[in-house]
Amino acid sequence: MHLSKPKRGRIAVNVSQINRYTKENEDVVVPGKVLGAGTIEHPVKVAALDFSEQARSKILGVKGKCLSITDLIKLNPKGASVKIIR
């Protein structure tokens, strides 16, 4: 439902929120754009529609991964242990 909205109405999540609600090496889906505000202190695998350059840099800087939602589905087709942050 959220993915079918116009871009201006989509969800935006900061890396600080991802840091706050995840543990090391968890899989996360953001049904929108990941923004670079705040810090991230542990590696996570984040799948989203889009990433700001700053967010991508911060996630990769702690040895995390930035994926498309389609790529995460290929890696984890059952969706086991995936958190959705919105």
N, C-alpha and C. Protein backbone atom coordinates (compact mmCIF):
# COMPACT_ATOMS: atom_id res chain seq x y z
N MET A 1 0.81 -1.19 0.00
CA MET A 1 0.00 0.00 0.00
C MET A 1 0.86 1.26 0.00
N HIS A 2 1.90 1.29 0.85
CA HIS A 2 2.76 2.47 0.91
C HIS A 2 3.58 2.64 -0.36
N LEU A 3 3.89 1.56 -1.03
CA LEU A 3 4.73 1.64 -2.22
C LEU A 3 3.99 2.23 -3.41
N SER A 4 2.68 2.17 -3.40
CA SER A 4 1.91 2.67 -4.53
C SER A 4 1.63 4.18 -4.43
N LYS A 5 1.99 4.80 -3.32
CA LYS A 5 1.77 6.23 -3.15
C LYS A 5 2.77 7.02 -4.00
N PRO A 6 2.43 8.29 -4.30
CA PRO A 6 3.41 9.15 -4.98
C PRO A 6 4.66 9.30 -4.13
N LYS A 7 5.80 9.61 -4.76
CA LYS A 7 7.07 9.71 -4.03
C LYS A 7 6.99 10.67 -2.85
N ARG A 8 6.30 11.77 -3.01
CA ARG A 8 6.25 12.75 -1.92
C ARG A 8 5.51 12.23 -0.70
N GLY A 9 4.71 11.20 -0.86
CA GLY A 9 3.98 10.63 0.26
C GLY A 9 4.61 9.38 0.83
N ARG A 10 5.75 8.99 0.31
CA ARG A 10 6.41 7.77 0.78
C ARG A 10 7.12 8.00 2.10
N ILE A 11 7.45 6.92 2.71
CA ILE A 11 8.10 6.94 4.02
C ILE A 11 9.58 7.27 3.86
N ALA A 12 10.09 8.04 4.82
CA ALA A 12 11.52 8.34 4.90
C ALA A 12 11.99 7.95 6.30
N VAL A 13 13.06 7.19 6.37
CA VAL A 13 13.59 6.70 7.64
C VAL A 13 15.06 7.10 7.73
N ASN A 14 15.46 7.65 8.87
CA ASN A 14 16.85 8.03 9.09
C ASN A 14 17.66 6.85 9.60
N VAL A 15 18.97 6.87 9.34
CA VAL A 15 19.82 5.78 9.83
C VAL A 15 19.81 5.69 11.34
N SER A 16 19.55 6.80 12.03
CA SER A 16 19.46 6.76 13.50
C SER A 16 18.30 5.87 13.95
N GLN A 17 17.18 5.88 13.22
CA GLN A 17 16.05 5.01 13.55
C GLN A 17 16.42 3.55 13.34
N ILE A 18 17.12 3.26 12.25
CA ILE A 18 17.56 1.89 11.99
C ILE A 18 18.49 1.44 13.10
N ASN A 19 19.39 2.30 13.52
CA ASN A 19 20.32 1.98 14.60
C ASN A 19 19.57 1.68 15.90
N ARG A 20 18.56 2.48 16.19
CA ARG A 20 17.81 2.36 17.44
C ARG A 20 17.00 1.07 17.52
N TYR A 21 16.42 0.64 16.42
CA TYR A 21 15.48 -0.48 16.43
C TYR A 21 16.04 -1.80 15.93
N THR A 22 17.34 -1.87 15.69
CA THR A 22 17.93 -3.11 15.20
C THR A 22 19.11 -3.54 16.06
N LYS A 23 19.47 -4.79 15.86
CA LYS A 23 20.69 -5.34 16.46
C LYS A 23 21.64 -5.69 15.33
N GLU A 24 22.85 -6.02 15.69
CA GLU A 24 23.88 -6.34 14.71
C GLU A 24 23.46 -7.48 13.78
N ASN A 25 23.70 -7.26 12.49
CA ASN A 25 23.47 -8.24 11.41
C ASN A 25 22.01 -8.59 11.14
N GLU A 26 21.07 -7.77 11.57
CA GLU A 26 19.65 -8.02 11.26
C GLU A 26 19.33 -7.55 9.84
N ASP A 27 18.25 -8.11 9.29
CA ASP A 27 17.73 -7.70 7.99
C ASP A 27 16.58 -6.72 8.22
N VAL A 28 16.60 -5.62 7.46
CA VAL A 28 15.61 -4.55 7.63
C VAL A 28 15.04 -4.17 6.27
N VAL A 29 13.73 -3.93 6.22
CA VAL A 29 13.09 -3.41 5.01
C VAL A 29 12.50 -2.04 5.34
N VAL A 30 12.79 -1.07 4.48
CA VAL A 30 12.21 0.27 4.59
C VAL A 30 11.39 0.49 3.33
N PRO A 31 10.05 0.61 3.45
CA PRO A 31 9.21 0.80 2.26
C PRO A 31 9.22 2.26 1.79
N GLY A 32 10.40 2.78 1.60
CA GLY A 32 10.58 4.17 1.18
C GLY A 32 12.05 4.46 1.04
N LYS A 33 12.46 5.66 1.47
CA LYS A 33 13.85 6.10 1.31
C LYS A 33 14.56 6.14 2.66
N VAL A 34 15.82 5.73 2.66
CA VAL A 34 16.65 5.82 3.86
C VAL A 34 17.48 7.09 3.75
N LEU A 35 17.40 7.92 4.80
CA LEU A 35 18.10 9.19 4.84
C LEU A 35 19.28 9.11 5.81
N GLY A 36 20.23 10.01 5.69
CA GLY A 36 21.48 9.92 6.44
C GLY A 36 21.55 10.62 7.77
N ALA A 37 20.47 11.12 8.32
CA ALA A 37 20.53 11.82 9.60
C ALA A 37 20.82 10.86 10.74
N GLY A 38 21.76 11.24 11.59
CA GLY A 38 22.12 10.42 12.74
C GLY A 38 23.28 9.49 12.44
N THR A 39 23.48 8.55 13.34
CA THR A 39 24.59 7.61 13.18
C THR A 39 24.07 6.18 13.25
N ILE A 40 24.87 5.29 12.72
CA ILE A 40 24.59 3.86 12.84
C ILE A 40 25.87 3.23 13.35
N GLU A 41 25.74 2.36 14.35
CA GLU A 41 26.90 1.85 15.06
C GLU A 41 27.15 0.36 14.85
N HIS A 42 26.29 -0.33 14.12
CA HIS A 42 26.47 -1.76 13.90
C HIS A 42 26.02 -2.13 12.48
N PRO A 43 26.60 -3.20 11.94
CA PRO A 43 26.24 -3.60 10.57
C PRO A 43 24.84 -4.21 10.50
N VAL A 44 24.07 -3.79 9.52
CA VAL A 44 22.75 -4.35 9.23
C VAL A 44 22.60 -4.45 7.72
N LYS A 45 21.71 -5.30 7.28
CA LYS A 45 21.40 -5.44 5.86
C LYS A 45 20.09 -4.68 5.65
N VAL A 46 20.14 -3.58 4.90
CA VAL A 46 18.97 -2.73 4.71
C VAL A 46 18.50 -2.81 3.26
N ALA A 47 17.22 -3.13 3.09
CA ALA A 47 16.60 -3.12 1.77
C ALA A 47 15.60 -1.98 1.74
N ALA A 48 15.67 -1.15 0.69
CA ALA A 48 14.78 0.01 0.60
C ALA A 48 14.56 0.36 -0.87
N LEU A 49 13.59 1.23 -1.10
CA LEU A 49 13.35 1.72 -2.45
C LEU A 49 14.47 2.63 -2.92
N ASP A 50 15.05 3.40 -1.98
CA ASP A 50 16.10 4.34 -2.34
C ASP A 50 16.92 4.69 -1.10
N PHE A 51 18.15 5.12 -1.31
CA PHE A 51 19.05 5.55 -0.25
C PHE A 51 19.64 6.89 -0.63
N SER A 52 19.77 7.80 0.35
CA SER A 52 20.54 9.01 0.09
C SER A 52 22.01 8.60 0.06
N GLU A 53 22.85 9.41 -0.55
CA GLU A 53 24.28 9.09 -0.62
C GLU A 53 24.87 8.99 0.77
N GLN A 54 24.46 9.89 1.65
CA GLN A 54 24.98 9.91 3.02
C GLN A 54 24.55 8.66 3.78
N ALA A 55 23.31 8.23 3.62
CA ALA A 55 22.83 7.02 4.30
C ALA A 55 23.59 5.79 3.80
N ARG A 56 23.75 5.68 2.49
CA ARG A 56 24.48 4.55 1.91
C ARG A 56 25.91 4.51 2.45
N SER A 57 26.56 5.67 2.51
CA SER A 57 27.93 5.76 3.01
C SER A 57 28.02 5.32 4.47
N LYS A 58 27.08 5.74 5.30
CA LYS A 58 27.10 5.39 6.72
C LYS A 58 26.86 3.90 6.94
N ILE A 59 25.92 3.34 6.20
CA ILE A 59 25.62 1.91 6.35
C ILE A 59 26.80 1.07 5.89
N LEU A 60 27.37 1.41 4.75
CA LEU A 60 28.53 0.68 4.24
C LEU A 60 29.76 0.90 5.11
N GLY A 61 29.84 2.06 5.76
CA GLY A 61 30.97 2.38 6.63
C GLY A 61 31.07 1.50 7.86
N VAL A 62 29.97 0.92 8.30
CA VAL A 62 29.99 0.00 9.45
C VAL A 62 29.89 -1.45 8.99
N LYS A 63 30.23 -1.68 7.72
CA LYS A 63 30.22 -3.02 7.10
C LYS A 63 28.82 -3.59 6.91
N GLY A 64 27.81 -2.71 6.81
CA GLY A 64 26.45 -3.15 6.51
C GLY A 64 26.26 -3.27 5.01
N LYS A 65 25.03 -3.60 4.60
CA LYS A 65 24.74 -3.74 3.17
C LYS A 65 23.50 -2.94 2.82
N CYS A 66 23.49 -2.35 1.63
CA CYS A 66 22.35 -1.63 1.07
C CYS A 66 21.85 -2.42 -0.13
N LEU A 67 20.60 -2.85 -0.08
CA LEU A 67 20.03 -3.68 -1.13
C LEU A 67 18.72 -3.10 -1.61
N SER A 68 18.32 -3.55 -2.80
CA SER A 68 16.95 -3.27 -3.22
C SER A 68 16.05 -4.29 -2.53
N ILE A 69 14.78 -4.01 -2.47
CA ILE A 69 13.84 -4.94 -1.84
C ILE A 69 13.82 -6.25 -2.62
N THR A 70 13.92 -6.17 -3.93
CA THR A 70 13.96 -7.37 -4.77
C THR A 70 15.16 -8.25 -4.45
N ASP A 71 16.32 -7.63 -4.23
CA ASP A 71 17.52 -8.40 -3.88
C ASP A 71 17.36 -9.11 -2.54
N LEU A 72 16.75 -8.45 -1.57
CA LEU A 72 16.54 -9.09 -0.27
C LEU A 72 15.58 -10.27 -0.40
N ILE A 73 14.57 -10.15 -1.24
CA ILE A 73 13.64 -11.26 -1.46
C ILE A 73 14.38 -12.45 -2.05
N LYS A 74 15.31 -12.20 -2.96
CA LYS A 74 16.09 -13.29 -3.55
C LYS A 74 16.97 -13.97 -2.49
N LEU A 75 17.55 -13.17 -1.58
CA LEU A 75 18.41 -13.72 -0.54
C LEU A 75 17.63 -14.41 0.58
N ASN A 76 16.44 -13.92 0.85
CA ASN A 76 15.62 -14.44 1.95
C ASN A 76 14.17 -14.57 1.47
N PRO A 77 13.86 -15.56 0.63
CA PRO A 77 12.53 -15.66 0.03
C PRO A 77 11.40 -15.87 1.03
N LYS A 78 11.68 -16.45 2.18
CA LYS A 78 10.62 -16.67 3.17
C LYS A 78 10.42 -15.43 4.05
N GLY A 79 11.33 -14.50 4.01
CA GLY A 79 11.20 -13.29 4.82
C GLY A 79 11.42 -13.54 6.29
N ALA A 80 12.12 -14.60 6.62
CA ALA A 80 12.35 -14.95 8.03
C ALA A 80 13.22 -13.89 8.70
N SER A 81 12.80 -13.47 9.87
CA SER A 81 13.57 -12.54 10.72
C SER A 81 13.85 -11.20 10.06
N VAL A 82 12.93 -10.70 9.27
CA VAL A 82 13.09 -9.39 8.63
C VAL A 82 12.24 -8.37 9.38
N LYS A 83 12.85 -7.26 9.77
CA LYS A 83 12.12 -6.18 10.42
C LYS A 83 11.70 -5.15 9.38
N ILE A 84 10.51 -4.61 9.54
CA ILE A 84 10.04 -3.52 8.69
C ILE A 84 10.05 -2.25 9.53
N ILE A 85 10.75 -1.26 9.07
CA ILE A 85 10.82 0.02 9.78
C ILE A 85 10.19 1.08 8.90
N ARG A 86 9.21 1.79 9.47
CA ARG A 86 8.53 2.84 8.71
C ARG A 86 8.27 4.05 9.56
